[in-house]
Amino acid sequence: MIDADTAVRMAELESRLAEQDRMIADLNEMVIAQWRKIDNLERKFGELRDEMDTAALTRAGATDTPPPHY
């Protein structure tokens, strides 16, 4: 038979385990949300970098030729 002290200790351990399971699930959700945000930001950064590269090439080509009135 289990005495009262052991039953109380087991109930406390079960409670702590349930709390830790909930905390791990919450942290997992946060990690997933942050991962999605990072992926989105990396994609946008790549698009902006491509736009800047295109703009730099266009600008560099435009400065090589003199204006038509020269």
PDB file of N, CA and C in Angstrom:
ATOM      1  N   MET A   1       0.831  -1.184   0.000  1.00  0.00           N
ATOM      2  CA  MET A   1       0.000   0.000   0.000  1.00  0.00           C
ATOM      3  C   MET A   1       0.878   1.250   0.000  1.00  0.00           C
ATOM      4  N   ILE A   2       0.321   2.282  -0.529  1.00  0.00           N
ATOM      5  CA  ILE A   2       1.033   3.559  -0.613  1.00  0.00           C
ATOM      6  C   ILE A   2       0.582   4.430   0.553  1.00  0.00           C
ATOM      7  N   ASP A   3       1.565   4.953   1.280  1.00  0.00           N
ATOM      8  CA  ASP A   3       1.180   5.826   2.393  1.00  0.00           C
ATOM      9  C   ASP A   3       0.825   7.216   1.882  1.00  0.00           C
ATOM     10  N   ALA A   4       0.310   8.048   2.737  1.00  0.00           N
ATOM     11  CA  ALA A   4      -0.190   9.374   2.348  1.00  0.00           C
ATOM     12  C   ALA A   4       0.929  10.261   1.816  1.00  0.00           C
ATOM     13  N   ASP A   5       2.096  10.186   2.430  1.00  0.00           N
ATOM     14  CA  ASP A   5       3.221  11.025   1.997  1.00  0.00           C
ATOM     15  C   ASP A   5       3.649  10.659   0.580  1.00  0.00           C
ATOM     16  N   THR A   6       3.725   9.398   0.273  1.00  0.00           N
ATOM     17  CA  THR A   6       4.099   8.956  -1.063  1.00  0.00           C
ATOM     18  C   THR A   6       3.046   9.361  -2.085  1.00  0.00           C
ATOM     19  N   ALA A   7       1.782   9.261  -1.716  1.00  0.00           N
ATOM     20  CA  ALA A   7       0.708   9.654  -2.626  1.00  0.00           C
ATOM     21  C   ALA A   7       0.774  11.142  -2.933  1.00  0.00           C
ATOM     22  N   VAL A   8       1.072  11.942  -1.918  1.00  0.00           N
ATOM     23  CA  VAL A   8       1.188  13.397  -2.125  1.00  0.00           C
ATOM     24  C   VAL A   8       2.372  13.697  -3.027  1.00  0.00           C
ATOM     25  N   ARG A   9       3.496  13.027  -2.771  1.00  0.00           N
ATOM     26  CA  ARG A   9       4.681  13.258  -3.593  1.00  0.00           C
ATOM     27  C   ARG A   9       4.445  12.848  -5.036  1.00  0.00           C
ATOM     28  N   MET A  10       3.766  11.735  -5.245  1.00  0.00           N
ATOM     29  CA  MET A  10       3.470  11.298  -6.611  1.00  0.00           C
ATOM     30  C   MET A  10       2.519  12.273  -7.307  1.00  0.00           C
ATOM     31  N   ALA A  11       1.543  12.795  -6.594  1.00  0.00           N
ATOM     32  CA  ALA A  11       0.612  13.764  -7.169  1.00  0.00           C
ATOM     33  C   ALA A  11       1.356  15.038  -7.568  1.00  0.00           C
ATOM     34  N   GLU A  12       2.302  15.478  -6.732  1.00  0.00           N
ATOM     35  CA  GLU A  12       3.096  16.663  -7.049  1.00  0.00           C
ATOM     36  C   GLU A  12       3.962  16.416  -8.281  1.00  0.00           C
ATOM     37  N   LEU A  13       4.561  15.237  -8.362  1.00  0.00           N
ATOM     38  CA  LEU A  13       5.393  14.908  -9.528  1.00  0.00           C
ATOM     39  C   LEU A  13       4.564  14.853 -10.801  1.00  0.00           C
ATOM     40  N   GLU A  14       3.376  14.269 -10.722  1.00  0.00           N
ATOM     41  CA  GLU A  14       2.498  14.220 -11.886  1.00  0.00           C
ATOM     42  C   GLU A  14       2.082  15.617 -12.310  1.00  0.00           C
ATOM     43  N   SER A  15       1.831  16.469 -11.334  1.00  0.00           N
ATOM     44  CA  SER A  15       1.463  17.854 -11.640  1.00  0.00           C
ATOM     45  C   SER A  15       2.618  18.579 -12.323  1.00  0.00           C
ATOM     46  N   ARG A  16       3.822  18.398 -11.791  1.00  0.00           N
ATOM     47  CA  ARG A  16       4.990  19.042 -12.392  1.00  0.00           C
ATOM     48  C   ARG A  16       5.246  18.519 -13.798  1.00  0.00           C
ATOM     49  N   LEU A  17       5.069  17.224 -13.993  1.00  0.00           N
ATOM     50  CA  LEU A  17       5.264  16.633 -15.309  1.00  0.00           C
ATOM     51  C   LEU A  17       4.255  17.197 -16.316  1.00  0.00           C
ATOM     52  N   ALA A  18       3.015  17.321 -15.903  1.00  0.00           N
ATOM     53  CA  ALA A  18       1.991  17.888 -16.786  1.00  0.00           C
ATOM     54  C   ALA A  18       2.329  19.338 -17.137  1.00  0.00           C
ATOM     55  N   GLU A  19       2.801  20.097 -16.157  1.00  0.00           N
ATOM     56  CA  GLU A  19       3.181  21.495 -16.405  1.00  0.00           C
ATOM     57  C   GLU A  19       4.356  21.566 -17.375  1.00  0.00           C
ATOM     58  N   GLN A  20       5.331  20.692 -17.205  1.00  0.00           N
ATOM     59  CA  GLN A  20       6.483  20.687 -18.111  1.00  0.00           C
ATOM     60  C   GLN A  20       6.080  20.264 -19.517  1.00  0.00           C
ATOM     61  N   ASP A  21       5.178  19.315 -19.632  1.00  0.00           N
ATOM     62  CA  ASP A  21       4.684  18.926 -20.963  1.00  0.00           C
ATOM     63  C   ASP A  21       4.000  20.098 -21.648  1.00  0.00           C
ATOM     64  N   ARG A  22       3.195  20.845 -20.891  1.00  0.00           N
ATOM     65  CA  ARG A  22       2.514  22.008 -21.448  1.00  0.00           C
ATOM     66  C   ARG A  22       3.529  23.071 -21.864  1.00  0.00           C
ATOM     67  N   MET A  23       4.538  23.286 -21.031  1.00  0.00           N
ATOM     68  CA  MET A  23       5.554  24.293 -21.335  1.00  0.00           C
ATOM     69  C   MET A  23       6.345  23.911 -22.583  1.00  0.00           C
ATOM     70  N   ILE A  24       6.680  22.638 -22.724  1.00  0.00           N
ATOM     71  CA  ILE A  24       7.408  22.177 -23.913  1.00  0.00           C
ATOM     72  C   ILE A  24       6.558  22.376 -25.161  1.00  0.00           C
ATOM     73  N   ALA A  25       5.271  22.074 -25.068  1.00  0.00           N
ATOM     74  CA  ALA A  25       4.385  22.275 -26.219  1.00  0.00           C
ATOM     75  C   ALA A  25       4.295  23.754 -26.580  1.00  0.00           C
ATOM     76  N   ASP A  26       4.207  24.632 -25.569  1.00  0.00           N
ATOM     77  CA  ASP A  26       4.158  26.080 -25.830  1.00  0.00           C
ATOM     78  C   ASP A  26       5.448  26.561 -26.483  1.00  0.00           C
ATOM     79  N   LEU A  27       6.581  26.096 -25.971  1.00  0.00           N
ATOM     80  CA  LEU A  27       7.869  26.493 -26.552  1.00  0.00           C
ATOM     81  C   LEU A  27       7.997  25.989 -27.978  1.00  0.00           C
ATOM     82  N   ASN A  28       7.505  24.798 -28.239  1.00  0.00           N
ATOM     83  CA  ASN A  28       7.543  24.254 -29.593  1.00  0.00           C
ATOM     84  C   ASN A  28       6.729  25.136 -30.537  1.00  0.00           C
ATOM     85  N   GLU A  29       5.569  25.577 -30.117  1.00  0.00           N
ATOM     86  CA  GLU A  29       4.748  26.467 -30.940  1.00  0.00           C
ATOM     87  C   GLU A  29       5.476  27.777 -31.224  1.00  0.00           C
ATOM     88  N   MET A  30       6.175  28.309 -30.213  1.00  0.00           N
ATOM     89  CA  MET A  30       6.926  29.552 -30.412  1.00  0.00           C
ATOM     90  C   MET A  30       8.067  29.352 -31.407  1.00  0.00           C
ATOM     91  N   VAL A  31       8.761  28.234 -31.299  1.00  0.00           N
ATOM     92  CA  VAL A  31       9.869  27.948 -32.218  1.00  0.00           C
ATOM     93  C   VAL A  31       9.353  27.822 -33.648  1.00  0.00           C
ATOM     94  N   ILE A  32       8.224  27.149 -33.826  1.00  0.00           N
ATOM     95  CA  ILE A  32       7.647  26.992 -35.161  1.00  0.00           C
ATOM     96  C   ILE A  32       7.266  28.353 -35.738  1.00  0.00           C
ATOM     97  N   ALA A  33       6.645  29.220 -34.911  1.00  0.00           N
ATOM     98  CA  ALA A  33       6.248  30.553 -35.382  1.00  0.00           C
ATOM     99  C   ALA A  33       7.481  31.378 -35.755  1.00  0.00           C
ATOM    100  N   GLN A  34       8.521  31.311 -34.942  1.00  0.00           N
ATOM    101  CA  GLN A  34       9.738  32.063 -35.249  1.00  0.00           C
ATOM    102  C   GLN A  34      10.415  31.520 -36.502  1.00  0.00           C
ATOM    103  N   TRP A  35      10.416  30.219 -36.686  1.00  0.00           N
ATOM    104  CA  TRP A  35      11.017  29.616 -37.875  1.00  0.00           C
ATOM    105  C   TRP A  35      10.305  30.103 -39.133  1.00  0.00           C
ATOM    106  N   ARG A  36       8.963  30.150 -39.077  1.00  0.00           N
ATOM    107  CA  ARG A  36       8.202  30.651 -40.221  1.00  0.00           C
ATOM    108  C   ARG A  36       8.534  32.111 -40.496  1.00  0.00           C
ATOM    109  N   LYS A  37       8.658  32.904 -39.445  1.00  0.00           N
ATOM    110  CA  LYS A  37       8.975  34.326 -39.619  1.00  0.00           C
ATOM    111  C   LYS A  37      10.371  34.492 -40.219  1.00  0.00           C
ATOM    112  N   ILE A  38      11.320  33.705 -39.760  1.00  0.00           N
ATOM    113  CA  ILE A  38      12.685  33.785 -40.297  1.00  0.00           C
ATOM    114  C   ILE A  38      12.694  33.395 -41.772  1.00  0.00           C
ATOM    115  N   ASP A  39      11.981  32.327 -42.120  1.00  0.00           N
ATOM    116  CA  ASP A  39      11.903  31.926 -43.528  1.00  0.00           C
ATOM    117  C   ASP A  39      11.308  33.034 -44.382  1.00  0.00           C
ATOM    118  N   ASN A  40      10.252  33.666 -43.880  1.00  0.00           N
ATOM    119  CA  ASN A  40       9.604  34.748 -44.611  1.00  0.00           C
ATOM    120  C   ASN A  40      10.560  35.933 -44.784  1.00  0.00           C
ATOM    121  N   LEU A  41      11.270  36.283 -43.721  1.00  0.00           N
ATOM    122  CA  LEU A  41      12.214  37.400 -43.798  1.00  0.00           C
ATOM    123  C   LEU A  41      13.374  37.088 -44.745  1.00  0.00           C
ATOM    124  N   GLU A  42      13.860  35.851 -44.726  1.00  0.00           N
ATOM    125  CA  GLU A  42      14.939  35.482 -45.644  1.00  0.00           C
ATOM    126  C   GLU A  42      14.475  35.562 -47.093  1.00  0.00           C
ATOM    127  N   ARG A  43      13.243  35.152 -47.344  1.00  0.00           N
ATOM    128  CA  ARG A  43      12.713  35.225 -48.712  1.00  0.00           C
ATOM    129  C   ARG A  43      12.595  36.681 -49.151  1.00  0.00           C
ATOM    130  N   LYS A  44      12.066  37.535 -48.282  1.00  0.00           N
ATOM    131  CA  LYS A  44      11.939  38.959 -48.621  1.00  0.00           C
ATOM    132  C   LYS A  44      13.297  39.604 -48.807  1.00  0.00           C
ATOM    133  N   PHE A  45      14.258  39.233 -47.959  1.00  0.00           N
ATOM    134  CA  PHE A  45      15.597  39.780 -48.091  1.00  0.00           C
ATOM    135  C   PHE A  45      16.204  39.390 -49.437  1.00  0.00           C
ATOM    136  N   GLY A  46      16.009  38.151 -49.859  1.00  0.00           N
ATOM    137  CA  GLY A  46      16.506  37.705 -51.160  1.00  0.00           C
ATOM    138  C   GLY A  46      15.884  38.492 -52.293  1.00  0.00           C
ATOM    139  N   GLU A  47      14.574  38.740 -52.190  1.00  0.00           N
ATOM    140  CA  GLU A  47      13.891  39.524 -53.226  1.00  0.00           C
ATOM    141  C   GLU A  47      14.441  40.951 -53.274  1.00  0.00           C
ATOM    142  N   LEU A  48      14.643  41.566 -52.109  1.00  0.00           N
ATOM    143  CA  LEU A  48      15.193  42.925 -52.073  1.00  0.00           C
ATOM    144  C   LEU A  48      16.620  42.970 -52.607  1.00  0.00           C
ATOM    145  N   ARG A  49      17.410  41.945 -52.269  1.00  0.00           N
ATOM    146  CA  ARG A  49      18.785  41.897 -52.780  1.00  0.00           C
ATOM    147  C   ARG A  49      18.783  41.784 -54.299  1.00  0.00           C
ATOM    148  N   ASP A  50      17.885  40.975 -54.845  1.00  0.00           N
ATOM    149  CA  ASP A  50      17.781  40.852 -56.301  1.00  0.00           C
ATOM    150  C   ASP A  50      17.369  42.175 -56.936  1.00  0.00           C
ATOM    151  N   GLU A  51      16.421  42.860 -56.302  1.00  0.00           N
ATOM    152  CA  GLU A  51      15.995  44.165 -56.824  1.00  0.00           C
ATOM    153  C   GLU A  51      17.138  45.172 -56.787  1.00  0.00           C
ATOM    154  N   MET A  52      17.913  45.162 -55.705  1.00  0.00           N
ATOM    155  CA  MET A  52      19.041  46.092 -55.598  1.00  0.00           C
ATOM    156  C   MET A  52      20.110  45.773 -56.642  1.00  0.00           C
ATOM    157  N   ASP A  53      20.366  44.487 -56.874  1.00  0.00           N
ATOM    158  CA  ASP A  53      21.345  44.100 -57.888  1.00  0.00           C
ATOM    159  C   ASP A  53      20.887  44.546 -59.273  1.00  0.00           C
ATOM    160  N   THR A  54      19.602  44.369 -59.561  1.00  0.00           N
ATOM    161  CA  THR A  54      19.052  44.790 -60.845  1.00  0.00           C
ATOM    162  C   THR A  54      19.138  46.302 -61.002  1.00  0.00           C
ATOM    163  N   ALA A  55      18.803  47.020 -59.938  1.00  0.00           N
ATOM    164  CA  ALA A  55      18.868  48.486 -59.989  1.00  0.00           C
ATOM    165  C   ALA A  55      20.306  48.963 -60.166  1.00  0.00           C
ATOM    166  N   ALA A  56      21.254  48.299 -59.513  1.00  0.00           N
ATOM    167  CA  ALA A  56      22.655  48.687 -59.647  1.00  0.00           C
ATOM    168  C   ALA A  56      23.155  48.447 -61.067  1.00  0.00           C
ATOM    169  N   LEU A  57      22.758  47.339 -61.660  1.00  0.00           N
ATOM    170  CA  LEU A  57      23.169  47.067 -63.042  1.00  0.00           C
ATOM    171  C   LEU A  57      22.542  48.070 -63.999  1.00  0.00           C
ATOM    172  N   THR A  58      21.298  48.427 -63.797  1.00  0.00           N
ATOM    173  CA  THR A  58      20.626  49.407 -64.652  1.00  0.00           C
ATOM    174  C   THR A  58      21.277  50.778 -64.507  1.00  0.00           C
ATOM    175  N   ARG A  59      21.573  51.148 -63.270  1.00  0.00           N
ATOM    176  CA  ARG A  59      22.190  52.447 -63.012  1.00  0.00           C
ATOM    177  C   ARG A  59      23.604  52.492 -63.591  1.00  0.00           C
ATOM    178  N   ALA A  60      24.355  51.412 -63.471  1.00  0.00           N
ATOM    179  CA  ALA A  60      25.721  51.379 -63.997  1.00  0.00           C
ATOM    180  C   ALA A  60      25.705  51.468 -65.514  1.00  0.00           C
ATOM    181  N   GLY A  61      24.757  50.838 -66.165  1.00  0.00           N
ATOM    182  CA  GLY A  61      24.658  50.902 -67.627  1.00  0.00           C
ATOM    183  C   GLY A  61      24.254  52.274 -68.094  1.00  0.00           C
ATOM    184  N   ALA A  62      23.446  52.982 -67.351  1.00  0.00           N
ATOM    185  CA  ALA A  62      22.972  54.308 -67.739  1.00  0.00           C
ATOM    186  C   ALA A  62      24.069  55.363 -67.625  1.00  0.00           C
ATOM    187  N   THR A  63      24.972  55.218 -66.706  1.00  0.00           N
ATOM    188  CA  THR A  63      26.026  56.234 -66.535  1.00  0.00           C
ATOM    189  C   THR A  63      27.166  56.059 -67.530  1.00  0.00           C
ATOM    190  N   ASP A  64      27.259  54.939 -68.228  1.00  0.00           N
ATOM    191  CA  ASP A  64      28.331  54.707 -69.178  1.00  0.00           C
ATOM    192  C   ASP A  64      28.124  55.486 -70.476  1.00  0.00           C
ATOM    193  N   THR A  65      26.907  55.768 -70.827  1.00  0.00           N
ATOM    194  CA  THR A  65      26.636  56.463 -72.088  1.00  0.00           C
ATOM    195  C   THR A  65      26.370  57.948 -71.812  1.00  0.00           C
ATOM    196  N   PRO A  66      26.950  58.819 -72.615  1.00  0.00           N
ATOM    197  CA  PRO A  66      26.703  60.253 -72.416  1.00  0.00           C
ATOM    198  C   PRO A  66      25.283  60.616 -72.862  1.00  0.00           C
ATOM    199  N   PRO A  67      24.749  61.688 -72.337  1.00  0.00           N
ATOM    200  CA  PRO A  67      23.421  62.119 -72.759  1.00  0.00           C
ATOM    201  C   PRO A  67      23.421  62.460 -74.256  1.00  0.00           C
ATOM    202  N   PRO A  68      22.265  62.402 -74.919  1.00  0.00           N
ATOM    203  CA  PRO A  68      22.211  62.601 -76.356  1.00  0.00           C
ATOM    204  C   PRO A  68      22.617  64.015 -76.807  1.00  0.00           C
ATOM    205  N   HIS A  69      22.549  65.030 -75.992  1.00  0.00           N
ATOM    206  CA  HIS A  69      22.867  66.387 -76.413  1.00  0.00           C
ATOM    207  C   HIS A  69      24.365  66.664 -76.448  1.00  0.00           C
ATOM    208  N   TYR A  70      25.235  65.716 -76.098  1.00  0.00           N
ATOM    209  CA  TYR A  70      26.678  65.935 -76.156  1.00  0.00           C
ATOM    210  C   TYR A  70      27.218  65.587 -77.477  1.00  0.00           C
TER     211      TYR A  70
END
